[in-house]
Amino acid sequence: MASIIIRPLDDLLKRFGNQIGAVGSAKGHKALARAVNRVTNTIYGRVIRAVRKQSDIPTAIIRRSIKKRLASPKGGNIEGVIWATGKPLSLKYFRARQFRFGVKAKHGGTWHRYPSAFMGPKPGAISKKLGGHVFKRTSSGRFPIEMLFGPSVPEELVRGESERVFRTTVQDMLPVRVAHELSRMLPR
């Protein structure tokens, strides 16, 4: 399981300390929780798109694997969490195609070759028993065979484009949202 945690850090609390003191502890907590929740929801959508773009995993599978937990405005920790669970995905989800040399599947933006792999008895024929999965023989005999896998959603969540999207969104958006929520709570 991989996770991303969004929380206001000390420098942010120091920067807005006077405004938090002016609105009071309870309202300040509520404003920080609202800001963190807005940033968490934004990052959730952006990370799903980034994982899709960098790994070619179908969006439906990504949405099932990535979850979020928002901060409570009533009390407790002020942190939003985005996490992903799941195992490596079968190559059948990566547009696998069987050729004479083996199988090609697209993940990570490029086509990968799997020599001597197969999906059925001959190219263009997919065996119903094998369910569209990609297999490779582990010995010179007919059996045993092993299934081949591509990337997993938790691996993709914490690397590459999705990590960059997370960092830039938090740096750009969290201070702006905290200022906005506190300005709404301040007396006019």
N, C-alpha and C. Protein backbone atom coordinates (compact mmCIF):
# COMPACT_ATOMS: atom_id res chain seq x y z
N MET A 1 0.84 -1.18 0.00
CA MET A 1 0.00 0.00 0.00
C MET A 1 0.89 1.24 0.00
N ALA A 2 0.58 2.16 -0.86
CA ALA A 2 1.31 3.43 -0.94
C ALA A 2 0.35 4.55 -0.58
N SER A 3 0.86 5.59 0.09
CA SER A 3 -0.04 6.67 0.49
C SER A 3 0.65 8.03 0.34
N ILE A 4 -0.19 9.04 0.20
CA ILE A 4 0.22 10.44 0.13
C ILE A 4 -0.54 11.17 1.23
N ILE A 5 0.17 11.97 2.04
CA ILE A 5 -0.48 12.66 3.16
C ILE A 5 -0.36 14.17 2.93
N ILE A 6 -1.49 14.86 3.07
CA ILE A 6 -1.54 16.32 2.92
C ILE A 6 -1.86 16.91 4.29
N ARG A 7 -0.95 17.73 4.83
CA ARG A 7 -1.20 18.38 6.11
C ARG A 7 -0.52 19.74 6.13
N PRO A 8 -1.10 20.70 6.86
CA PRO A 8 -0.45 22.00 6.96
C PRO A 8 0.81 21.88 7.82
N LEU A 9 1.93 22.34 7.33
CA LEU A 9 3.19 22.22 8.05
C LEU A 9 3.42 23.45 8.92
N ASP A 10 4.49 23.38 9.73
CA ASP A 10 4.77 24.44 10.70
C ASP A 10 4.95 25.81 10.06
N ASP A 11 5.61 25.87 8.90
CA ASP A 11 5.83 27.17 8.27
C ASP A 11 4.50 27.80 7.84
N LEU A 12 3.55 26.97 7.44
CA LEU A 12 2.23 27.47 7.06
C LEU A 12 1.48 27.97 8.29
N LEU A 13 1.58 27.22 9.41
CA LEU A 13 0.91 27.65 10.64
C LEU A 13 1.55 28.92 11.19
N LYS A 14 2.87 29.05 11.05
CA LYS A 14 3.56 30.25 11.51
C LYS A 14 3.15 31.46 10.66
N ARG A 15 3.01 31.23 9.37
CA ARG A 15 2.66 32.30 8.44
C ARG A 15 1.26 32.86 8.72
N PHE A 16 0.32 31.97 9.04
CA PHE A 16 -1.06 32.39 9.28
C PHE A 16 -1.43 32.38 10.76
N GLY A 17 -0.44 32.39 11.65
CA GLY A 17 -0.69 32.30 13.09
C GLY A 17 -1.56 33.41 13.63
N ASN A 18 -1.32 34.65 13.20
CA ASN A 18 -2.11 35.78 13.69
C ASN A 18 -3.57 35.66 13.26
N GLN A 19 -3.80 35.26 12.03
CA GLN A 19 -5.18 35.12 11.56
C GLN A 19 -5.89 33.98 12.29
N ILE A 20 -5.19 32.88 12.54
CA ILE A 20 -5.79 31.76 13.28
C ILE A 20 -6.13 32.21 14.70
N GLY A 21 -5.24 33.00 15.31
CA GLY A 21 -5.52 33.54 16.64
C GLY A 21 -6.71 34.48 16.64
N ALA A 22 -6.88 35.25 15.58
CA ALA A 22 -7.98 36.21 15.50
C ALA A 22 -9.33 35.52 15.38
N VAL A 23 -9.39 34.41 14.65
CA VAL A 23 -10.68 33.73 14.48
C VAL A 23 -10.96 32.75 15.61
N GLY A 24 -9.94 32.37 16.37
CA GLY A 24 -10.13 31.44 17.47
C GLY A 24 -9.70 30.03 17.08
N SER A 25 -9.51 29.23 18.08
CA SER A 25 -8.98 27.88 17.87
C SER A 25 -9.94 26.99 17.07
N ALA A 26 -11.21 26.99 17.44
CA ALA A 26 -12.19 26.11 16.78
C ALA A 26 -12.40 26.51 15.32
N LYS A 27 -12.59 27.80 15.09
CA LYS A 27 -12.79 28.25 13.71
C LYS A 27 -11.51 28.10 12.88
N GLY A 28 -10.36 28.31 13.52
CA GLY A 28 -9.08 28.12 12.82
C GLY A 28 -8.90 26.68 12.40
N HIS A 29 -9.26 25.75 13.28
CA HIS A 29 -9.17 24.31 12.95
C HIS A 29 -10.10 23.99 11.78
N LYS A 30 -11.29 24.55 11.82
CA LYS A 30 -12.26 24.31 10.75
C LYS A 30 -11.76 24.86 9.41
N ALA A 31 -11.16 26.05 9.44
CA ALA A 31 -10.63 26.66 8.21
C ALA A 31 -9.48 25.84 7.64
N LEU A 32 -8.57 25.38 8.50
CA LEU A 32 -7.46 24.55 8.03
C LEU A 32 -7.96 23.23 7.46
N ALA A 33 -8.96 22.63 8.12
CA ALA A 33 -9.51 21.36 7.62
C ALA A 33 -10.18 21.55 6.26
N ARG A 34 -10.91 22.65 6.10
CA ARG A 34 -11.54 22.92 4.80
C ARG A 34 -10.50 23.10 3.70
N ALA A 35 -9.43 23.82 4.01
CA ALA A 35 -8.37 24.04 3.02
C ALA A 35 -7.70 22.72 2.65
N VAL A 36 -7.38 21.91 3.65
CA VAL A 36 -6.74 20.61 3.38
C VAL A 36 -7.67 19.71 2.58
N ASN A 37 -8.96 19.73 2.89
CA ASN A 37 -9.92 18.90 2.15
C ASN A 37 -10.04 19.33 0.69
N ARG A 38 -10.04 20.62 0.45
CA ARG A 38 -10.11 21.11 -0.93
C ARG A 38 -8.88 20.69 -1.72
N VAL A 39 -7.71 20.80 -1.10
CA VAL A 39 -6.47 20.40 -1.75
C VAL A 39 -6.45 18.89 -1.96
N THR A 40 -6.92 18.12 -0.98
CA THR A 40 -6.96 16.66 -1.11
C THR A 40 -7.86 16.24 -2.26
N ASN A 41 -9.03 16.84 -2.38
CA ASN A 41 -9.93 16.50 -3.49
C ASN A 41 -9.31 16.85 -4.84
N THR A 42 -8.64 17.99 -4.92
CA THR A 42 -7.99 18.39 -6.17
C THR A 42 -6.87 17.42 -6.53
N ILE A 43 -6.04 17.09 -5.55
CA ILE A 43 -4.92 16.17 -5.79
C ILE A 43 -5.44 14.80 -6.18
N TYR A 44 -6.52 14.36 -5.58
CA TYR A 44 -7.10 13.05 -5.89
C TYR A 44 -7.41 12.94 -7.39
N GLY A 45 -8.08 13.94 -7.94
CA GLY A 45 -8.40 13.93 -9.37
C GLY A 45 -7.17 14.04 -10.25
N ARG A 46 -6.24 14.90 -9.86
CA ARG A 46 -5.03 15.08 -10.67
C ARG A 46 -4.13 13.85 -10.64
N VAL A 47 -4.05 13.20 -9.49
CA VAL A 47 -3.21 12.00 -9.37
C VAL A 47 -3.78 10.86 -10.21
N ILE A 48 -5.10 10.72 -10.24
CA ILE A 48 -5.72 9.68 -11.06
C ILE A 48 -5.36 9.90 -12.53
N ARG A 49 -5.45 11.15 -13.00
CA ARG A 49 -5.08 11.44 -14.38
C ARG A 49 -3.60 11.20 -14.63
N ALA A 50 -2.75 11.56 -13.67
CA ALA A 50 -1.31 11.38 -13.84
C ALA A 50 -0.93 9.90 -13.88
N VAL A 51 -1.53 9.09 -13.01
CA VAL A 51 -1.24 7.65 -13.01
C VAL A 51 -1.70 7.04 -14.33
N ARG A 52 -2.84 7.46 -14.83
CA ARG A 52 -3.35 6.95 -16.11
C ARG A 52 -2.38 7.30 -17.24
N LYS A 53 -1.91 8.53 -17.23
CA LYS A 53 -1.03 8.99 -18.30
C LYS A 53 0.33 8.29 -18.26
N GLN A 54 0.88 8.09 -17.07
CA GLN A 54 2.23 7.54 -16.99
C GLN A 54 2.28 6.02 -17.08
N SER A 55 1.16 5.33 -16.83
CA SER A 55 1.24 3.86 -16.77
C SER A 55 0.35 3.14 -17.76
N ASP A 56 -0.62 3.80 -18.37
CA ASP A 56 -1.59 3.19 -19.28
C ASP A 56 -2.51 2.19 -18.58
N ILE A 57 -2.63 2.27 -17.26
CA ILE A 57 -3.59 1.43 -16.54
C ILE A 57 -4.98 2.01 -16.80
N PRO A 58 -5.99 1.17 -17.07
CA PRO A 58 -7.34 1.69 -17.32
C PRO A 58 -7.86 2.51 -16.13
N THR A 59 -8.57 3.60 -16.44
CA THR A 59 -9.04 4.52 -15.42
C THR A 59 -9.95 3.86 -14.41
N ALA A 60 -10.80 2.92 -14.83
CA ALA A 60 -11.70 2.24 -13.90
C ALA A 60 -10.93 1.49 -12.83
N ILE A 61 -9.84 0.86 -13.20
CA ILE A 61 -9.02 0.13 -12.23
C ILE A 61 -8.32 1.10 -11.29
N ILE A 62 -7.85 2.22 -11.82
CA ILE A 62 -7.19 3.22 -10.98
C ILE A 62 -8.18 3.78 -9.96
N ARG A 63 -9.39 4.10 -10.39
CA ARG A 63 -10.40 4.66 -9.48
C ARG A 63 -10.78 3.66 -8.38
N ARG A 64 -10.80 2.37 -8.70
CA ARG A 64 -11.09 1.36 -7.68
C ARG A 64 -9.94 1.21 -6.69
N SER A 65 -8.72 1.47 -7.12
CA SER A 65 -7.54 1.24 -6.29
C SER A 65 -7.17 2.43 -5.42
N ILE A 66 -7.41 3.64 -5.89
CA ILE A 66 -7.01 4.84 -5.15
C ILE A 66 -8.17 5.34 -4.30
N LYS A 67 -7.90 5.54 -3.01
CA LYS A 67 -8.90 6.01 -2.06
C LYS A 67 -8.41 7.31 -1.41
N LYS A 68 -9.35 8.02 -0.76
CA LYS A 68 -8.97 9.24 -0.05
C LYS A 68 -9.71 9.32 1.28
N ARG A 69 -9.07 9.99 2.25
CA ARG A 69 -9.71 10.26 3.54
C ARG A 69 -9.49 11.74 3.83
N LEU A 70 -10.57 12.44 4.09
CA LEU A 70 -10.51 13.88 4.30
C LEU A 70 -10.34 14.21 5.78
N ALA A 71 -9.88 15.42 6.06
CA ALA A 71 -9.70 15.89 7.43
C ALA A 71 -11.06 16.23 8.03
N SER A 72 -11.20 15.99 9.32
CA SER A 72 -12.45 16.31 10.00
C SER A 72 -12.41 17.74 10.51
N PRO A 73 -13.41 18.56 10.17
CA PRO A 73 -13.42 19.94 10.67
C PRO A 73 -13.83 20.04 12.14
N LYS A 74 -14.27 18.93 12.74
CA LYS A 74 -14.75 18.97 14.12
C LYS A 74 -13.64 18.73 15.14
N GLY A 75 -12.53 18.17 14.74
CA GLY A 75 -11.43 17.91 15.67
C GLY A 75 -10.55 16.80 15.15
N GLY A 76 -9.46 16.55 15.84
CA GLY A 76 -8.54 15.50 15.42
C GLY A 76 -7.45 16.04 14.52
N ASN A 77 -6.75 15.13 13.88
CA ASN A 77 -5.65 15.52 13.00
C ASN A 77 -6.16 16.26 11.77
N ILE A 78 -5.41 17.25 11.38
CA ILE A 78 -5.74 17.97 10.15
C ILE A 78 -4.85 17.40 9.06
N GLU A 79 -5.32 16.35 8.44
CA GLU A 79 -4.57 15.76 7.33
C GLU A 79 -5.52 15.04 6.39
N GLY A 80 -5.24 15.17 5.12
CA GLY A 80 -5.95 14.43 4.10
C GLY A 80 -5.02 13.35 3.59
N VAL A 81 -5.54 12.16 3.35
CA VAL A 81 -4.71 11.03 2.93
C VAL A 81 -5.25 10.47 1.62
N ILE A 82 -4.35 10.21 0.69
CA ILE A 82 -4.68 9.52 -0.55
C ILE A 82 -3.81 8.28 -0.57
N TRP A 83 -4.43 7.10 -0.72
CA TRP A 83 -3.65 5.87 -0.72
C TRP A 83 -4.15 4.93 -1.81
N ALA A 84 -3.30 3.98 -2.16
CA ALA A 84 -3.65 3.01 -3.20
C ALA A 84 -3.29 1.62 -2.72
N THR A 85 -4.12 0.66 -3.08
CA THR A 85 -3.85 -0.73 -2.78
C THR A 85 -3.95 -1.52 -4.07
N GLY A 86 -3.38 -2.69 -4.07
CA GLY A 86 -3.51 -3.55 -5.23
C GLY A 86 -2.23 -4.26 -5.59
N LYS A 87 -2.39 -5.31 -6.36
CA LYS A 87 -1.27 -6.13 -6.81
C LYS A 87 -0.90 -5.72 -8.23
N PRO A 88 0.23 -6.22 -8.73
CA PRO A 88 0.55 -5.98 -10.13
C PRO A 88 -0.57 -6.51 -11.03
N LEU A 89 -0.87 -5.78 -12.09
CA LEU A 89 -1.99 -6.12 -12.97
C LEU A 89 -1.54 -7.04 -14.09
N SER A 90 -2.44 -7.90 -14.49
CA SER A 90 -2.17 -8.81 -15.60
C SER A 90 -1.94 -8.00 -16.88
N LEU A 91 -1.13 -8.55 -17.77
CA LEU A 91 -0.85 -7.85 -19.03
C LEU A 91 -2.07 -7.74 -19.93
N LYS A 92 -3.13 -8.47 -19.63
CA LYS A 92 -4.32 -8.37 -20.49
C LYS A 92 -4.95 -6.98 -20.43
N TYR A 93 -4.68 -6.22 -19.36
CA TYR A 93 -5.23 -4.87 -19.23
C TYR A 93 -4.40 -3.83 -19.98
N PHE A 94 -3.31 -4.25 -20.61
CA PHE A 94 -2.42 -3.32 -21.29
C PHE A 94 -2.38 -3.57 -22.79
N ARG A 95 -3.54 -3.85 -23.37
CA ARG A 95 -3.70 -4.05 -24.82
C ARG A 95 -2.69 -5.07 -25.36
N ALA A 96 -2.63 -6.21 -24.72
CA ALA A 96 -1.69 -7.26 -25.15
C ALA A 96 -2.13 -7.84 -26.50
N ARG A 97 -1.16 -8.08 -27.38
CA ARG A 97 -1.40 -8.65 -28.70
C ARG A 97 -0.38 -9.76 -28.93
N GLN A 98 -0.85 -10.88 -29.45
CA GLN A 98 0.05 -12.00 -29.71
C GLN A 98 0.54 -11.96 -31.15
N PHE A 99 1.85 -12.17 -31.33
CA PHE A 99 2.49 -12.23 -32.63
C PHE A 99 3.29 -13.53 -32.72
N ARG A 100 3.94 -13.73 -33.84
CA ARG A 100 4.72 -14.94 -34.02
C ARG A 100 5.87 -15.03 -33.02
N PHE A 101 6.50 -13.90 -32.69
CA PHE A 101 7.65 -13.91 -31.77
C PHE A 101 7.23 -14.05 -30.32
N GLY A 102 6.00 -13.66 -29.99
CA GLY A 102 5.53 -13.66 -28.61
C GLY A 102 4.38 -12.68 -28.45
N VAL A 103 4.47 -11.82 -27.44
CA VAL A 103 3.38 -10.89 -27.13
C VAL A 103 3.95 -9.48 -26.97
N LYS A 104 3.16 -8.48 -27.39
CA LYS A 104 3.46 -7.08 -27.15
C LYS A 104 2.36 -6.51 -26.26
N ALA A 105 2.76 -5.67 -25.29
CA ALA A 105 1.80 -4.99 -24.44
C ALA A 105 2.30 -3.58 -24.19
N LYS A 106 1.37 -2.63 -24.08
CA LYS A 106 1.75 -1.23 -23.91
C LYS A 106 1.52 -0.80 -22.47
N HIS A 107 2.60 -0.49 -21.77
CA HIS A 107 2.50 0.13 -20.45
C HIS A 107 3.70 1.05 -20.26
N GLY A 108 3.48 2.12 -19.53
CA GLY A 108 4.51 3.12 -19.36
C GLY A 108 4.74 3.97 -20.59
N GLY A 109 3.76 4.01 -21.50
CA GLY A 109 3.86 4.84 -22.69
C GLY A 109 4.56 4.19 -23.87
N THR A 110 5.12 3.00 -23.69
CA THR A 110 5.81 2.33 -24.79
C THR A 110 5.35 0.87 -24.88
N TRP A 111 5.53 0.31 -26.05
CA TRP A 111 5.21 -1.10 -26.26
C TRP A 111 6.38 -1.94 -25.79
N HIS A 112 6.08 -2.96 -24.99
CA HIS A 112 7.10 -3.88 -24.48
C HIS A 112 6.90 -5.24 -25.14
N ARG A 113 8.02 -5.86 -25.51
CA ARG A 113 7.97 -7.19 -26.13
C ARG A 113 8.22 -8.26 -25.08
N TYR A 114 7.46 -9.33 -25.17
CA TYR A 114 7.62 -10.49 -24.30
C TYR A 114 7.84 -11.70 -25.19
N PRO A 115 9.10 -12.00 -25.54
CA PRO A 115 9.37 -13.13 -26.44
C PRO A 115 8.94 -14.45 -25.82
N SER A 116 8.44 -15.34 -26.63
CA SER A 116 7.99 -16.68 -26.24
C SER A 116 6.76 -16.67 -25.34
N ALA A 117 6.15 -15.53 -25.12
CA ALA A 117 4.92 -15.48 -24.34
C ALA A 117 3.75 -15.77 -25.27
N PHE A 118 2.63 -16.18 -24.70
CA PHE A 118 1.47 -16.52 -25.53
C PHE A 118 0.17 -16.21 -24.80
N MET A 119 -0.89 -16.06 -25.60
CA MET A 119 -2.24 -15.82 -25.09
C MET A 119 -3.20 -16.91 -25.55
N GLY A 120 -2.79 -17.70 -26.49
CA GLY A 120 -3.63 -18.75 -27.04
C GLY A 120 -2.81 -19.66 -27.92
N PRO A 121 -3.47 -20.55 -28.65
CA PRO A 121 -2.73 -21.53 -29.46
C PRO A 121 -1.97 -20.93 -30.64
N LYS A 122 -2.44 -19.80 -31.18
CA LYS A 122 -1.75 -19.17 -32.30
C LYS A 122 -2.07 -17.68 -32.30
N PRO A 123 -1.29 -16.87 -33.01
CA PRO A 123 -1.57 -15.43 -33.05
C PRO A 123 -2.97 -15.15 -33.59
N GLY A 124 -3.66 -14.25 -32.91
CA GLY A 124 -5.01 -13.88 -33.32
C GLY A 124 -6.09 -14.74 -32.69
N ALA A 125 -5.72 -15.85 -32.07
CA ALA A 125 -6.69 -16.73 -31.41
C ALA A 125 -6.42 -16.71 -29.91
N ILE A 126 -7.37 -16.20 -29.15
CA ILE A 126 -7.21 -16.13 -27.70
C ILE A 126 -7.99 -17.27 -27.08
N SER A 127 -7.32 -18.04 -26.25
CA SER A 127 -7.94 -19.19 -25.61
C SER A 127 -8.91 -18.73 -24.52
N LYS A 128 -10.13 -19.29 -24.52
CA LYS A 128 -11.10 -18.95 -23.47
C LYS A 128 -10.62 -19.43 -22.11
N LYS A 129 -9.93 -20.56 -22.10
CA LYS A 129 -9.44 -21.11 -20.83
C LYS A 129 -8.41 -20.18 -20.18
N LEU A 130 -7.63 -19.50 -20.99
CA LEU A 130 -6.59 -18.62 -20.46
C LEU A 130 -7.12 -17.22 -20.14
N GLY A 131 -8.33 -16.90 -20.56
CA GLY A 131 -9.00 -15.66 -20.18
C GLY A 131 -8.36 -14.38 -20.69
N GLY A 132 -7.59 -14.45 -21.76
CA GLY A 132 -6.97 -13.25 -22.29
C GLY A 132 -5.68 -12.85 -21.60
N HIS A 133 -5.25 -13.64 -20.59
CA HIS A 133 -4.02 -13.35 -19.88
C HIS A 133 -2.81 -13.76 -20.71
N VAL A 134 -1.65 -13.27 -20.34
CA VAL A 134 -0.41 -13.58 -21.05
C VAL A 134 0.40 -14.54 -20.18
N PHE A 135 0.90 -15.61 -20.80
CA PHE A 135 1.65 -16.64 -20.08
C PHE A 135 2.99 -16.88 -20.73
N LYS A 136 3.88 -17.50 -19.96
CA LYS A 136 5.18 -17.90 -20.47
C LYS A 136 5.53 -19.25 -19.85
N ARG A 137 6.14 -20.12 -20.63
CA ARG A 137 6.54 -21.42 -20.11
C ARG A 137 7.77 -21.26 -19.22
N THR A 138 7.80 -22.02 -18.12
CA THR A 138 8.93 -21.94 -17.20
C THR A 138 9.92 -23.08 -17.42
N SER A 139 9.57 -24.04 -18.27
CA SER A 139 10.48 -25.15 -18.57
C SER A 139 10.35 -25.50 -20.05
N SER A 140 11.09 -26.48 -20.49
CA SER A 140 11.04 -26.86 -21.90
C SER A 140 9.81 -27.70 -22.22
N GLY A 141 9.14 -28.21 -21.20
CA GLY A 141 7.92 -28.99 -21.41
C GLY A 141 6.71 -28.11 -21.62
N ARG A 142 5.57 -28.75 -21.81
CA ARG A 142 4.34 -28.01 -22.05
C ARG A 142 3.90 -27.25 -20.80
N PHE A 143 4.05 -27.86 -19.66
CA PHE A 143 3.72 -27.24 -18.38
C PHE A 143 4.95 -27.27 -17.50
N PRO A 144 5.13 -26.46 -16.52
CA PRO A 144 4.25 -25.41 -16.01
C PRO A 144 4.39 -24.10 -16.79
N ILE A 145 3.36 -23.28 -16.66
CA ILE A 145 3.36 -21.94 -17.25
C ILE A 145 3.11 -20.93 -16.14
N GLU A 146 3.59 -19.71 -16.34
CA GLU A 146 3.34 -18.66 -15.35
C GLU A 146 2.76 -17.43 -16.05
N MET A 147 1.90 -16.73 -15.32
CA MET A 147 1.26 -15.54 -15.86
C MET A 147 2.22 -14.35 -15.73
N LEU A 148 2.20 -13.46 -16.72
CA LEU A 148 3.05 -12.27 -16.71
C LEU A 148 2.24 -11.05 -16.28
N PHE A 149 2.90 -10.15 -15.57
CA PHE A 149 2.23 -8.99 -15.00
C PHE A 149 2.93 -7.70 -15.41
N GLY A 150 2.16 -6.60 -15.37
CA GLY A 150 2.68 -5.27 -15.63
C GLY A 150 2.79 -4.50 -14.32
N PRO A 151 2.72 -3.17 -14.37
CA PRO A 151 2.85 -2.37 -13.14
C PRO A 151 1.60 -2.45 -12.27
N SER A 152 1.73 -1.96 -11.02
CA SER A 152 0.59 -1.89 -10.11
C SER A 152 0.29 -0.43 -9.79
N VAL A 153 -0.92 -0.15 -9.35
CA VAL A 153 -1.33 1.22 -9.05
C VAL A 153 -0.52 1.81 -7.88
N PRO A 154 -0.28 1.07 -6.77
CA PRO A 154 0.51 1.67 -5.69
C PRO A 154 1.93 2.07 -6.12
N GLU A 155 2.56 1.27 -6.98
CA GLU A 155 3.89 1.63 -7.48
C GLU A 155 3.83 2.94 -8.25
N GLU A 156 2.82 3.08 -9.08
CA GLU A 156 2.72 4.25 -9.95
C GLU A 156 2.31 5.51 -9.18
N LEU A 157 1.64 5.34 -8.03
CA LEU A 157 1.17 6.49 -7.25
C LEU A 157 2.33 7.30 -6.68
N VAL A 158 3.42 6.65 -6.32
CA VAL A 158 4.49 7.33 -5.59
C VAL A 158 5.73 7.59 -6.45
N ARG A 159 5.59 7.56 -7.76
CA ARG A 159 6.76 7.84 -8.60
C ARG A 159 6.35 8.63 -9.84
N GLY A 160 7.34 9.27 -10.43
CA GLY A 160 7.16 9.92 -11.72
C GLY A 160 6.22 11.12 -11.71
N GLU A 161 5.36 11.14 -12.71
CA GLU A 161 4.45 12.27 -12.94
C GLU A 161 3.49 12.48 -11.78
N SER A 162 2.96 11.41 -11.19
CA SER A 162 1.99 11.56 -10.11
C SER A 162 2.63 12.17 -8.87
N GLU A 163 3.88 11.82 -8.58
CA GLU A 163 4.58 12.43 -7.44
C GLU A 163 4.82 13.92 -7.70
N ARG A 164 5.21 14.26 -8.92
CA ARG A 164 5.45 15.66 -9.27
C ARG A 164 4.16 16.48 -9.18
N VAL A 165 3.05 15.90 -9.66
CA VAL A 165 1.75 16.58 -9.59
C VAL A 165 1.37 16.83 -8.14
N PHE A 166 1.59 15.84 -7.28
CA PHE A 166 1.27 16.00 -5.86
C PHE A 166 2.07 17.14 -5.24
N ARG A 167 3.37 17.13 -5.44
CA ARG A 167 4.23 18.15 -4.81
C ARG A 167 3.90 19.56 -5.30
N THR A 168 3.75 19.73 -6.59
CA THR A 168 3.49 21.08 -7.11
C THR A 168 2.11 21.58 -6.69
N THR A 169 1.12 20.70 -6.66
CA THR A 169 -0.23 21.12 -6.26
C THR A 169 -0.26 21.55 -4.81
N VAL A 170 0.40 20.79 -3.94
CA VAL A 170 0.42 21.16 -2.52
C VAL A 170 1.16 22.48 -2.33
N GLN A 171 2.30 22.65 -2.96
CA GLN A 171 3.07 23.88 -2.80
C GLN A 171 2.32 25.10 -3.32
N ASP A 172 1.61 24.94 -4.42
CA ASP A 172 0.92 26.08 -5.02
C ASP A 172 -0.43 26.36 -4.37
N MET A 173 -1.16 25.31 -4.05
CA MET A 173 -2.57 25.47 -3.70
C MET A 173 -2.84 25.59 -2.20
N LEU A 174 -2.09 24.88 -1.35
CA LEU A 174 -2.41 24.86 0.08
C LEU A 174 -2.32 26.24 0.74
N PRO A 175 -1.26 27.02 0.55
CA PRO A 175 -1.24 28.36 1.17
C PRO A 175 -2.36 29.27 0.68
N VAL A 176 -2.70 29.18 -0.59
CA VAL A 176 -3.77 30.00 -1.15
C VAL A 176 -5.11 29.61 -0.53
N ARG A 177 -5.35 28.30 -0.38
CA ARG A 177 -6.63 27.85 0.19
C ARG A 177 -6.73 28.20 1.67
N VAL A 178 -5.63 28.09 2.41
CA VAL A 178 -5.65 28.45 3.84
C VAL A 178 -5.96 29.94 3.97
N ALA A 179 -5.33 30.78 3.17
CA ALA A 179 -5.60 32.22 3.22
C ALA A 179 -7.05 32.51 2.88
N HIS A 180 -7.58 31.82 1.88
CA HIS A 180 -8.97 32.03 1.47
C HIS A 180 -9.94 31.64 2.59
N GLU A 181 -9.75 30.46 3.18
CA GLU A 181 -10.67 30.00 4.23
C GLU A 181 -10.58 30.88 5.47
N LEU A 182 -9.38 31.31 5.84
CA LEU A 182 -9.25 32.19 7.00
C LEU A 182 -9.86 33.56 6.74
N SER A 183 -9.73 34.08 5.52
CA SER A 183 -10.32 35.38 5.21
C SER A 183 -11.85 35.32 5.27
N ARG A 184 -12.42 34.17 4.96
CA ARG A 184 -13.88 34.03 5.06
C ARG A 184 -14.34 34.03 6.51
N MET A 185 -13.48 33.56 7.43
CA MET A 185 -13.85 33.46 8.84
C MET A 185 -13.59 34.75 9.61
N LEU A 186 -12.68 35.59 9.10
CA LEU A 186 -12.35 36.82 9.82
C LEU A 186 -13.53 37.79 9.80
N PRO A 187 -13.72 38.53 10.90
CA PRO A 187 -14.81 39.52 10.89
C PRO A 187 -14.48 40.64 9.91
N ARG A 188 -15.51 41.17 9.30
CA ARG A 188 -15.31 42.21 8.27
C ARG A 188 -15.47 43.57 8.85
